[in-house]
Amino acid sequence: MRNLFRRNAVAHPMIKPLRHGSRVVPVVYVEPGNPACQRTLAAFSAAGADVERVDITADTEAKDAVETAGYQRLPVVDTGSAIWSGHQAAAIRAFIETAGLNTKERTP
């Protein structure tokens, strides 16, 4: 039986978030048409946060990395200090507040 709690990203390392000075650009692994992916991208966009969007339907290495790491829901978001899967409004708000971005917009 596969252990879903053990993350092994050695075989296919996931892309690390970029840093622009003190600003972090999160990596968001998405699948076009996925409602959770769309809500997550919209939340980052509403706050004025840049993200690196990785389409796992077009990038087989990225898809393999996400699967090898054990994630079963999309999107997978890596902010450099946290990684989560699925639309996590509270986690997005926490990133936005930590990054000092527009917190007046409501995160969907």
PDB file of N, CA and C in Angstrom:
ATOM      1  N   MET A   1       0.839  -1.182   0.000  1.00  0.00           N
ATOM      2  CA  MET A   1       0.000   0.000   0.000  1.00  0.00           C
ATOM      3  C   MET A   1       0.884   1.247   0.000  1.00  0.00           C
ATOM      4  N   ARG A   2       0.522   2.214  -0.792  1.00  0.00           N
ATOM      5  CA  ARG A   2       1.292   3.442  -0.929  1.00  0.00           C
ATOM      6  C   ARG A   2       1.047   4.365   0.261  1.00  0.00           C
ATOM      7  N   ASN A   3       2.122   4.881   0.817  1.00  0.00           N
ATOM      8  CA  ASN A   3       2.020   5.817   1.936  1.00  0.00           C
ATOM      9  C   ASN A   3       1.852   7.223   1.374  1.00  0.00           C
ATOM     10  N   LEU A   4       0.649   7.769   1.487  1.00  0.00           N
ATOM     11  CA  LEU A   4       0.356   9.082   0.918  1.00  0.00           C
ATOM     12  C   LEU A   4       0.915  10.230   1.742  1.00  0.00           C
ATOM     13  N   PHE A   5       1.343   9.939   2.964  1.00  0.00           N
ATOM     14  CA  PHE A   5       1.853  10.998   3.822  1.00  0.00           C
ATOM     15  C   PHE A   5       3.352  11.189   3.683  1.00  0.00           C
ATOM     16  N   ARG A   6       4.018  10.279   3.037  1.00  0.00           N
ATOM     17  CA  ARG A   6       5.462  10.411   2.835  1.00  0.00           C
ATOM     18  C   ARG A   6       5.706  11.101   1.506  1.00  0.00           C
ATOM     19  N   ARG A   7       6.251  12.257   1.559  1.00  0.00           N
ATOM     20  CA  ARG A   7       6.515  13.033   0.346  1.00  0.00           C
ATOM     21  C   ARG A   7       7.920  12.715  -0.149  1.00  0.00           C
ATOM     22  N   ASN A   8       8.012  12.238  -1.378  1.00  0.00           N
ATOM     23  CA  ASN A   8       9.305  11.901  -1.952  1.00  0.00           C
ATOM     24  C   ASN A   8       9.438  12.627  -3.280  1.00  0.00           C
ATOM     25  N   ALA A   9      10.045  13.787  -3.255  1.00  0.00           N
ATOM     26  CA  ALA A   9      10.196  14.580  -4.471  1.00  0.00           C
ATOM     27  C   ALA A   9      11.576  14.417  -5.082  1.00  0.00           C
ATOM     28  N   VAL A  10      12.290  13.371  -4.719  1.00  0.00           N
ATOM     29  CA  VAL A  10      13.642  13.175  -5.224  1.00  0.00           C
ATOM     30  C   VAL A  10      13.626  12.759  -6.687  1.00  0.00           C
ATOM     31  N   ALA A  11      12.721  11.876  -7.068  1.00  0.00           N
ATOM     32  CA  ALA A  11      12.685  11.366  -8.431  1.00  0.00           C
ATOM     33  C   ALA A  11      12.411  12.478  -9.444  1.00  0.00           C
ATOM     34  N   HIS A  12      11.455  13.325  -9.162  1.00  0.00           N
ATOM     35  CA  HIS A  12      11.101  14.438 -10.037  1.00  0.00           C
ATOM     36  C   HIS A  12      10.923  15.672  -9.156  1.00  0.00           C
ATOM     37  N   PRO A  13      11.968  16.449  -8.948  1.00  0.00           N
ATOM     38  CA  PRO A  13      11.841  17.596  -8.047  1.00  0.00           C
ATOM     39  C   PRO A  13      10.847  18.622  -8.580  1.00  0.00           C
ATOM     40  N   MET A  14      10.050  19.146  -7.676  1.00  0.00           N
ATOM     41  CA  MET A  14       9.098  20.184  -8.042  1.00  0.00           C
ATOM     42  C   MET A  14       9.851  21.503  -8.195  1.00  0.00           C
ATOM     43  N   ILE A  15       9.295  22.394  -8.982  1.00  0.00           N
ATOM     44  CA  ILE A  15       9.891  23.703  -9.226  1.00  0.00           C
ATOM     45  C   ILE A  15       9.841  24.518  -7.937  1.00  0.00           C
ATOM     46  N   LYS A  16      10.925  25.171  -7.606  1.00  0.00           N
ATOM     47  CA  LYS A  16      10.987  26.003  -6.404  1.00  0.00           C
ATOM     48  C   LYS A  16      10.507  27.416  -6.733  1.00  0.00           C
ATOM     49  N   PRO A  17       9.815  28.055  -5.794  1.00  0.00           N
ATOM     50  CA  PRO A  17       9.367  29.430  -6.019  1.00  0.00           C
ATOM     51  C   PRO A  17      10.543  30.376  -6.251  1.00  0.00           C
ATOM     52  N   LEU A  18      10.325  31.339  -7.125  1.00  0.00           N
ATOM     53  CA  LEU A  18      11.344  32.346  -7.414  1.00  0.00           C
ATOM     54  C   LEU A  18      11.281  33.453  -6.380  1.00  0.00           C
ATOM     55  N   ARG A  19      12.407  34.091  -6.177  1.00  0.00           N
ATOM     56  CA  ARG A  19      12.470  35.257  -5.289  1.00  0.00           C
ATOM     57  C   ARG A  19      12.892  36.458  -6.124  1.00  0.00           C
ATOM     58  N   HIS A  20      12.149  37.535  -5.963  1.00  0.00           N
ATOM     59  CA  HIS A  20      12.503  38.819  -6.570  1.00  0.00           C
ATOM     60  C   HIS A  20      12.744  39.775  -5.417  1.00  0.00           C
ATOM     61  N   GLY A  21      14.005  39.879  -4.998  1.00  0.00           N
ATOM     62  CA  GLY A  21      14.316  40.657  -3.798  1.00  0.00           C
ATOM     63  C   GLY A  21      13.727  39.946  -2.597  1.00  0.00           C
ATOM     64  N   SER A  22      12.871  40.626  -1.879  1.00  0.00           N
ATOM     65  CA  SER A  22      12.229  40.008  -0.717  1.00  0.00           C
ATOM     66  C   SER A  22      10.885  39.384  -1.091  1.00  0.00           C
ATOM     67  N   ARG A  23      10.461  39.569  -2.326  1.00  0.00           N
ATOM     68  CA  ARG A  23       9.166  39.058  -2.782  1.00  0.00           C
ATOM     69  C   ARG A  23       9.296  37.639  -3.323  1.00  0.00           C
ATOM     70  N   VAL A  24       8.374  36.769  -2.921  1.00  0.00           N
ATOM     71  CA  VAL A  24       8.351  35.385  -3.392  1.00  0.00           C
ATOM     72  C   VAL A  24       7.248  35.243  -4.434  1.00  0.00           C
ATOM     73  N   VAL A  25       7.554  34.528  -5.522  1.00  0.00           N
ATOM     74  CA  VAL A  25       6.557  34.231  -6.543  1.00  0.00           C
ATOM     75  C   VAL A  25       6.177  32.759  -6.390  1.00  0.00           C
ATOM     76  N   PRO A  26       4.983  32.483  -5.829  1.00  0.00           N
ATOM     77  CA  PRO A  26       4.578  31.092  -5.620  1.00  0.00           C
ATOM     78  C   PRO A  26       4.438  30.328  -6.930  1.00  0.00           C
ATOM     79  N   VAL A  27       4.675  29.027  -6.856  1.00  0.00           N
ATOM     80  CA  VAL A  27       4.459  28.131  -7.986  1.00  0.00           C
ATOM     81  C   VAL A  27       3.107  27.467  -7.762  1.00  0.00           C
ATOM     82  N   VAL A  28       2.242  27.526  -8.782  1.00  0.00           N
ATOM     83  CA  VAL A  28       0.912  26.932  -8.685  1.00  0.00           C
ATOM     84  C   VAL A  28       0.763  25.918  -9.818  1.00  0.00           C
ATOM     85  N   TYR A  29       0.655  24.643  -9.439  1.00  0.00           N
ATOM     86  CA  TYR A  29       0.448  23.567 -10.410  1.00  0.00           C
ATOM     87  C   TYR A  29      -1.044  23.452 -10.660  1.00  0.00           C
ATOM     88  N   VAL A  30      -1.465  23.591 -11.918  1.00  0.00           N
ATOM     89  CA  VAL A  30      -2.885  23.644 -12.250  1.00  0.00           C
ATOM     90  C   VAL A  30      -3.235  22.705 -13.395  1.00  0.00           C
ATOM     91  N   GLU A  31      -4.538  22.524 -13.539  1.00  0.00           N
ATOM     92  CA  GLU A  31      -5.107  21.806 -14.671  1.00  0.00           C
ATOM     93  C   GLU A  31      -6.195  22.716 -15.236  1.00  0.00           C
ATOM     94  N   PRO A  32      -6.125  23.067 -16.523  1.00  0.00           N
ATOM     95  CA  PRO A  32      -7.124  23.968 -17.098  1.00  0.00           C
ATOM     96  C   PRO A  32      -8.546  23.438 -16.880  1.00  0.00           C
ATOM     97  N   GLY A  33      -9.446  24.339 -16.542  1.00  0.00           N
ATOM     98  CA  GLY A  33     -10.839  23.966 -16.346  1.00  0.00           C
ATOM     99  C   GLY A  33     -11.175  23.464 -14.950  1.00  0.00           C
ATOM    100  N   ASN A  34     -10.168  23.252 -14.114  1.00  0.00           N
ATOM    101  CA  ASN A  34     -10.402  22.775 -12.752  1.00  0.00           C
ATOM    102  C   ASN A  34     -10.884  23.958 -11.905  1.00  0.00           C
ATOM    103  N   PRO A  35     -12.100  23.868 -11.326  1.00  0.00           N
ATOM    104  CA  PRO A  35     -12.642  24.999 -10.559  1.00  0.00           C
ATOM    105  C   PRO A  35     -11.769  25.422  -9.376  1.00  0.00           C
ATOM    106  N   ALA A  36     -11.176  24.481  -8.673  1.00  0.00           N
ATOM    107  CA  ALA A  36     -10.316  24.828  -7.531  1.00  0.00           C
ATOM    108  C   ALA A  36      -9.081  25.584  -8.012  1.00  0.00           C
ATOM    109  N   CYS A  37      -8.544  25.187  -9.150  1.00  0.00           N
ATOM    110  CA  CYS A  37      -7.388  25.888  -9.722  1.00  0.00           C
ATOM    111  C   CYS A  37      -7.780  27.309 -10.112  1.00  0.00           C
ATOM    112  N   GLN A  38      -8.941  27.449 -10.734  1.00  0.00           N
ATOM    113  CA  GLN A  38      -9.401  28.771 -11.157  1.00  0.00           C
ATOM    114  C   GLN A  38      -9.618  29.690  -9.959  1.00  0.00           C
ATOM    115  N   ARG A  39     -10.223  29.173  -8.880  1.00  0.00           N
ATOM    116  CA  ARG A  39     -10.448  29.990  -7.677  1.00  0.00           C
ATOM    117  C   ARG A  39      -9.125  30.410  -7.045  1.00  0.00           C
ATOM    118  N   THR A  40      -8.164  29.486  -7.021  1.00  0.00           N
ATOM    119  CA  THR A  40      -6.863  29.797  -6.419  1.00  0.00           C
ATOM    120  C   THR A  40      -6.135  30.868  -7.222  1.00  0.00           C
ATOM    121  N   LEU A  41      -6.098  30.715  -8.540  1.00  0.00           N
ATOM    122  CA  LEU A  41      -5.444  31.718  -9.382  1.00  0.00           C
ATOM    123  C   LEU A  41      -6.145  33.071  -9.257  1.00  0.00           C
ATOM    124  N   ALA A  42      -7.479  33.061  -9.193  1.00  0.00           N
ATOM    125  CA  ALA A  42      -8.237  34.306  -9.053  1.00  0.00           C
ATOM    126  C   ALA A  42      -7.932  34.992  -7.722  1.00  0.00           C
ATOM    127  N   ALA A  43      -7.777  34.213  -6.666  1.00  0.00           N
ATOM    128  CA  ALA A  43      -7.478  34.784  -5.345  1.00  0.00           C
ATOM    129  C   ALA A  43      -6.112  35.457  -5.335  1.00  0.00           C
ATOM    130  N   PHE A  44      -5.113  34.793  -5.901  1.00  0.00           N
ATOM    131  CA  PHE A  44      -3.783  35.406  -5.975  1.00  0.00           C
ATOM    132  C   PHE A  44      -3.829  36.665  -6.842  1.00  0.00           C
ATOM    133  N   SER A  45      -4.531  36.592  -7.967  1.00  0.00           N
ATOM    134  CA  SER A  45      -4.626  37.725  -8.881  1.00  0.00           C
ATOM    135  C   SER A  45      -5.332  38.913  -8.222  1.00  0.00           C
ATOM    136  N   ALA A  46      -6.412  38.656  -7.494  1.00  0.00           N
ATOM    137  CA  ALA A  46      -7.160  39.726  -6.828  1.00  0.00           C
ATOM    138  C   ALA A  46      -6.301  40.459  -5.806  1.00  0.00           C
ATOM    139  N   ALA A  47      -5.345  39.758  -5.236  1.00  0.00           N
ATOM    140  CA  ALA A  47      -4.456  40.367  -4.241  1.00  0.00           C
ATOM    141  C   ALA A  47      -3.243  41.024  -4.886  1.00  0.00           C
ATOM    142  N   GLY A  48      -3.116  40.896  -6.193  1.00  0.00           N
ATOM    143  CA  GLY A  48      -1.972  41.482  -6.876  1.00  0.00           C
ATOM    144  C   GLY A  48      -0.711  40.650  -6.782  1.00  0.00           C
ATOM    145  N   ALA A  49      -0.859  39.365  -6.459  1.00  0.00           N
ATOM    146  CA  ALA A  49       0.303  38.480  -6.330  1.00  0.00           C
ATOM    147  C   ALA A  49       0.629  37.835  -7.670  1.00  0.00           C
ATOM    148  N   ASP A  50       1.889  37.907  -8.057  1.00  0.00           N
ATOM    149  CA  ASP A  50       2.348  37.178  -9.230  1.00  0.00           C
ATOM    150  C   ASP A  50       2.520  35.721  -8.840  1.00  0.00           C
ATOM    151  N   VAL A  51       2.188  34.806  -9.756  1.00  0.00           N
ATOM    152  CA  VAL A  51       2.425  33.385  -9.531  1.00  0.00           C
ATOM    153  C   VAL A  51       3.053  32.797 -10.782  1.00  0.00           C
ATOM    154  N   GLU A  52       3.796  31.721 -10.588  1.00  0.00           N
ATOM    155  CA  GLU A  52       4.289  30.949 -11.723  1.00  0.00           C
ATOM    156  C   GLU A  52       3.318  29.799 -11.902  1.00  0.00           C
ATOM    157  N   ARG A  53       2.577  29.843 -12.984  1.00  0.00           N
ATOM    158  CA  ARG A  53       1.549  28.845 -13.265  1.00  0.00           C
ATOM    159  C   ARG A  53       2.175  27.709 -14.066  1.00  0.00           C
ATOM    160  N   VAL A  54       2.010  26.467 -13.575  1.00  0.00           N
ATOM    161  CA  VAL A  54       2.535  25.293 -14.267  1.00  0.00           C
ATOM    162  C   VAL A  54       1.351  24.403 -14.626  1.00  0.00           C
ATOM    163  N   ASP A  55       1.086  24.267 -15.921  1.00  0.00           N
ATOM    164  CA  ASP A  55      -0.015  23.442 -16.426  1.00  0.00           C
ATOM    165  C   ASP A  55       0.465  21.993 -16.498  1.00  0.00           C
ATOM    166  N   ILE A  56      -0.070  21.135 -15.626  1.00  0.00           N
ATOM    167  CA  ILE A  56       0.415  19.752 -15.593  1.00  0.00           C
ATOM    168  C   ILE A  56      -0.080  18.928 -16.776  1.00  0.00           C
ATOM    169  N   THR A  57      -1.054  19.447 -17.548  1.00  0.00           N
ATOM    170  CA  THR A  57      -1.484  18.717 -18.742  1.00  0.00           C
ATOM    171  C   THR A  57      -0.511  18.943 -19.895  1.00  0.00           C
ATOM    172  N   ALA A  58       0.271  20.013 -19.819  1.00  0.00           N
ATOM    173  CA  ALA A  58       1.243  20.326 -20.862  1.00  0.00           C
ATOM    174  C   ALA A  58       2.672  19.985 -20.452  1.00  0.00           C
ATOM    175  N   ASP A  59       2.906  19.774 -19.173  1.00  0.00           N
ATOM    176  CA  ASP A  59       4.255  19.515 -18.655  1.00  0.00           C
ATOM    177  C   ASP A  59       4.253  18.178 -17.917  1.00  0.00           C
ATOM    178  N   THR A  60       4.652  17.114 -18.613  1.00  0.00           N
ATOM    179  CA  THR A  60       4.597  15.772 -18.015  1.00  0.00           C
ATOM    180  C   THR A  60       5.564  15.619 -16.845  1.00  0.00           C
ATOM    181  N   GLU A  61       6.697  16.311 -16.889  1.00  0.00           N
ATOM    182  CA  GLU A  61       7.631  16.243 -15.759  1.00  0.00           C
ATOM    183  C   GLU A  61       7.015  16.864 -14.509  1.00  0.00           C
ATOM    184  N   ALA A  62       6.302  17.963 -14.683  1.00  0.00           N
ATOM    185  CA  ALA A  62       5.633  18.598 -13.541  1.00  0.00           C
ATOM    186  C   ALA A  62       4.540  17.685 -13.001  1.00  0.00           C
ATOM    187  N   LYS A  63       3.784  17.058 -13.897  1.00  0.00           N
ATOM    188  CA  LYS A  63       2.732  16.127 -13.467  1.00  0.00           C
ATOM    189  C   LYS A  63       3.342  14.972 -12.681  1.00  0.00           C
ATOM    190  N   ASP A  64       4.438  14.412 -13.185  1.00  0.00           N
ATOM    191  CA  ASP A  64       5.130  13.325 -12.480  1.00  0.00           C
ATOM    192  C   ASP A  64       5.623  13.784 -11.113  1.00  0.00           C
ATOM    193  N   ALA A  65       6.148  15.002 -11.032  1.00  0.00           N
ATOM    194  CA  ALA A  65       6.659  15.523  -9.759  1.00  0.00           C
ATOM    195  C   ALA A  65       5.540  15.655  -8.737  1.00  0.00           C
ATOM    196  N   VAL A  66       4.394  16.162  -9.169  1.00  0.00           N
ATOM    197  CA  VAL A  66       3.248  16.319  -8.269  1.00  0.00           C
ATOM    198  C   VAL A  66       2.766  14.956  -7.790  1.00  0.00           C
ATOM    199  N   GLU A  67       2.663  13.999  -8.716  1.00  0.00           N
ATOM    200  CA  GLU A  67       2.207  12.656  -8.349  1.00  0.00           C
ATOM    201  C   GLU A  67       3.219  11.943  -7.462  1.00  0.00           C
ATOM    202  N   THR A  68       4.505  12.064  -7.785  1.00  0.00           N
ATOM    203  CA  THR A  68       5.555  11.424  -6.993  1.00  0.00           C
ATOM    204  C   THR A  68       5.580  11.983  -5.576  1.00  0.00           C
ATOM    205  N   ALA A  69       5.299  13.270  -5.440  1.00  0.00           N
ATOM    206  CA  ALA A  69       5.272  13.897  -4.120  1.00  0.00           C
ATOM    207  C   ALA A  69       4.043  13.474  -3.316  1.00  0.00           C
ATOM    208  N   GLY A  70       3.098  12.804  -3.963  1.00  0.00           N
ATOM    209  CA  GLY A  70       1.948  12.261  -3.249  1.00  0.00           C
ATOM    210  C   GLY A  70       0.708  13.132  -3.240  1.00  0.00           C
ATOM    211  N   TYR A  71       0.721  14.239  -3.970  1.00  0.00           N
ATOM    212  CA  TYR A  71      -0.452  15.114  -3.981  1.00  0.00           C
ATOM    213  C   TYR A  71      -1.528  14.515  -4.871  1.00  0.00           C
ATOM    214  N   GLN A  72      -2.774  14.551  -4.388  1.00  0.00           N
ATOM    215  CA  GLN A  72      -3.883  13.956  -5.126  1.00  0.00           C
ATOM    216  C   GLN A  72      -4.919  14.980  -5.562  1.00  0.00           C
ATOM    217  N   ARG A  73      -4.795  16.225  -5.089  1.00  0.00           N
ATOM    218  CA  ARG A  73      -5.734  17.279  -5.468  1.00  0.00           C
ATOM    219  C   ARG A  73      -4.972  18.445  -6.066  1.00  0.00           C
ATOM    220  N   LEU A  74      -5.625  19.104  -7.001  1.00  0.00           N
ATOM    221  CA  LEU A  74      -5.074  20.317  -7.582  1.00  0.00           C
ATOM    222  C   LEU A  74      -5.901  21.497  -7.114  1.00  0.00           C
ATOM    223  N   PRO A  75      -5.322  22.674  -7.121  1.00  0.00           N
ATOM    224  CA  PRO A  75      -3.941  22.972  -7.450  1.00  0.00           C
ATOM    225  C   PRO A  75      -3.003  22.574  -6.319  1.00  0.00           C
ATOM    226  N   VAL A  76      -1.722  22.469  -6.654  1.00  0.00           N
ATOM    227  CA  VAL A  76      -0.675  22.338  -5.642  1.00  0.00           C
ATOM    228  C   VAL A  76       0.060  23.670  -5.650  1.00  0.00           C
ATOM    229  N   VAL A  77       0.167  24.283  -4.478  1.00  0.00           N
ATOM    230  CA  VAL A  77       0.776  25.612  -4.350  1.00  0.00           C
ATOM    231  C   VAL A  77       2.011  25.511  -3.469  1.00  0.00           C
ATOM    232  N   ASP A  78       3.127  26.067  -3.948  1.00  0.00           N
ATOM    233  CA  ASP A  78       4.369  26.122  -3.168  1.00  0.00           C
ATOM    234  C   ASP A  78       4.768  27.584  -3.046  1.00  0.00           C
ATOM    235  N   THR A  79       4.712  28.098  -1.819  1.00  0.00           N
ATOM    236  CA  THR A  79       5.064  29.502  -1.578  1.00  0.00           C
ATOM    237  C   THR A  79       6.490  29.657  -1.073  1.00  0.00           C
ATOM    238  N   GLY A  80       7.209  28.555  -0.969  1.00  0.00           N
ATOM    239  CA  GLY A  80       8.561  28.609  -0.426  1.00  0.00           C
ATOM    240  C   GLY A  80       8.584  28.314   1.058  1.00  0.00           C
ATOM    241  N   SER A  81       7.557  28.764   1.776  1.00  0.00           N
ATOM    242  CA  SER A  81       7.473  28.482   3.212  1.00  0.00           C
ATOM    243  C   SER A  81       6.351  27.505   3.533  1.00  0.00           C
ATOM    244  N   ALA A  82       5.470  27.262   2.568  1.00  0.00           N
ATOM    245  CA  ALA A  82       4.364  26.321   2.762  1.00  0.00           C
ATOM    246  C   ALA A  82       4.001  25.688   1.426  1.00  0.00           C
ATOM    247  N   ILE A  83       3.525  24.452   1.493  1.00  0.00           N
ATOM    248  CA  ILE A  83       3.025  23.754   0.310  1.00  0.00           C
ATOM    249  C   ILE A  83       1.672  23.171   0.687  1.00  0.00           C
ATOM    250  N   TRP A  84       0.680  23.361  -0.189  1.00  0.00           N
ATOM    251  CA  TRP A  84      -0.630  22.761   0.063  1.00  0.00           C
ATOM    252  C   TRP A  84      -1.265  22.349  -1.254  1.00  0.00           C
ATOM    253  N   SER A  85      -2.302  21.523  -1.150  1.00  0.00           N
ATOM    254  CA  SER A  85      -3.050  21.122  -2.337  1.00  0.00           C
ATOM    255  C   SER A  85      -4.516  21.450  -2.128  1.00  0.00           C
ATOM    256  N   GLY A  86      -5.209  21.662  -3.235  1.00  0.00           N
ATOM    257  CA  GLY A  86      -6.600  22.076  -3.187  1.00  0.00           C
ATOM    258  C   GLY A  86      -6.684  23.575  -2.959  1.00  0.00           C
ATOM    259  N   HIS A  87      -7.884  24.116  -3.167  1.00  0.00           N
ATOM    260  CA  HIS A  87      -8.081  25.549  -2.929  1.00  0.00           C
ATOM    261  C   HIS A  87      -8.130  25.773  -1.428  1.00  0.00           C
ATOM    262  N   GLN A  88      -7.179  26.527  -0.905  1.00  0.00           N
ATOM    263  CA  GLN A  88      -7.067  26.792   0.535  1.00  0.00           C
ATOM    264  C   GLN A  88      -7.094  28.304   0.748  1.00  0.00           C
ATOM    265  N   ALA A  89      -8.298  28.852   0.873  1.00  0.00           N
ATOM    266  CA  ALA A  89      -8.451  30.309   1.002  1.00  0.00           C
ATOM    267  C   ALA A  89      -7.677  30.861   2.195  1.00  0.00           C
ATOM    268  N   ALA A  90      -7.694  30.156   3.315  1.00  0.00           N
ATOM    269  CA  ALA A  90      -6.982  30.639   4.508  1.00  0.00           C
ATOM    270  C   ALA A  90      -5.471  30.674   4.273  1.00  0.00           C
ATOM    271  N   ALA A  91      -4.942  29.675   3.585  1.00  0.00           N
ATOM    272  CA  ALA A  91      -3.503  29.639   3.298  1.00  0.00           C
ATOM    273  C   ALA A  91      -3.120  30.758   2.329  1.00  0.00           C
ATOM    274  N   ILE A  92      -3.990  31.025   1.364  1.00  0.00           N
ATOM    275  CA  ILE A  92      -3.728  32.116   0.420  1.00  0.00           C
ATOM    276  C   ILE A  92      -3.735  33.452   1.158  1.00  0.00           C
ATOM    277  N   ARG A  93      -4.732  33.659   2.028  1.00  0.00           N
ATOM    278  CA  ARG A  93      -4.788  34.896   2.817  1.00  0.00           C
ATOM    279  C   ARG A  93      -3.541  35.055   3.676  1.00  0.00           C
ATOM    280  N   ALA A  94      -3.092  33.960   4.287  1.00  0.00           N
ATOM    281  CA  ALA A  94      -1.886  34.025   5.130  1.00  0.00           C
ATOM    282  C   ALA A  94      -0.676  34.433   4.295  1.00  0.00           C
ATOM    283  N   PHE A  95      -0.542  33.873   3.096  1.00  0.00           N
ATOM    284  CA  PHE A  95       0.573  34.246   2.218  1.00  0.00           C
ATOM    285  C   PHE A  95       0.481  35.723   1.853  1.00  0.00           C
ATOM    286  N   ILE A  96      -0.722  36.171   1.481  1.00  0.00           N
ATOM    287  CA  ILE A  96      -0.921  37.558   1.066  1.00  0.00           C
ATOM    288  C   ILE A  96      -0.567  38.520   2.201  1.00  0.00           C
ATOM    289  N   GLU A  97      -1.003  38.193   3.409  1.00  0.00           N
ATOM    290  CA  GLU A  97      -0.695  39.050   4.562  1.00  0.00           C
ATOM    291  C   GLU A  97       0.802  39.065   4.858  1.00  0.00           C
ATOM    292  N   THR A  98       1.432  37.899   4.809  1.00  0.00           N
ATOM    293  CA  THR A  98       2.871  37.806   5.067  1.00  0.00           C
ATOM    294  C   THR A  98       3.665  38.568   4.011  1.00  0.00           C
ATOM    295  N   ALA A  99       3.190  38.501   2.761  1.00  0.00           N
ATOM    296  CA  ALA A  99       3.885  39.168   1.661  1.00  0.00           C
ATOM    297  C   ALA A  99       3.594  40.666   1.623  1.00  0.00           C
ATOM    298  N   GLY A 100       2.642  41.119   2.443  1.00  0.00           N
ATOM    299  CA  GLY A 100       2.307  42.543   2.467  1.00  0.00           C
ATOM    300  C   GLY A 100       1.559  43.000   1.237  1.00  0.00           C
ATOM    301  N   LEU A 101       0.794  42.101   0.634  1.00  0.00           N
ATOM    302  CA  LEU A 101       0.027  42.448  -0.561  1.00  0.00           C
ATOM    303  C   LEU A 101      -1.326  43.010  -0.161  1.00  0.00           C
ATOM    304  N   ASN A 102      -2.162  43.269  -1.147  1.00  0.00           N
ATOM    305  CA  ASN A 102      -3.477  43.863  -0.935  1.00  0.00           C
ATOM    306  C   ASN A 102      -4.363  42.928  -0.117  1.00  0.00           C
ATOM    307  N   THR A 103      -4.552  43.234   1.147  1.00  0.00           N
ATOM    308  CA  THR A 103      -5.387  42.398   2.011  1.00  0.00           C
ATOM    309  C   THR A 103      -6.814  42.914   2.078  1.00  0.00           C
ATOM    310  N   LYS A 104      -7.117  44.012   1.390  1.00  0.00           N
ATOM    311  CA  LYS A 104      -8.474  44.550   1.405  1.00  0.00           C
ATOM    312  C   LYS A 104      -9.396  43.755   0.494  1.00  0.00           C
ATOM    313  N   GLU A 105      -8.833  43.129  -0.541  1.00  0.00           N
ATOM    314  CA  GLU A 105      -9.635  42.292  -1.432  1.00  0.00           C
ATOM    315  C   GLU A 105     -10.014  41.020  -0.697  1.00  0.00           C
ATOM    316  N   ARG A 106     -11.230  40.564  -0.907  1.00  0.00           N
ATOM    317  CA  ARG A 106     -11.678  39.324  -0.285  1.00  0.00           C
ATOM    318  C   ARG A 106     -11.145  38.158  -1.102  1.00  0.00           C
ATOM    319  N   THR A 107     -10.490  37.203  -0.445  1.00  0.00           N
ATOM    320  CA  THR A 107      -9.970  36.026  -1.131  1.00  0.00           C
ATOM    321  C   THR A 107     -11.109  35.045  -1.349  1.00  0.00           C
ATOM    322  N   PRO A 108     -11.406  34.708  -2.631  1.00  0.00           N
ATOM    323  CA  PRO A 108     -12.520  33.786  -2.906  1.00  0.00           C
ATOM    324  C   PRO A 108     -12.256  32.404  -2.357  1.00  0.00           C
TER     325      PRO A 108
END
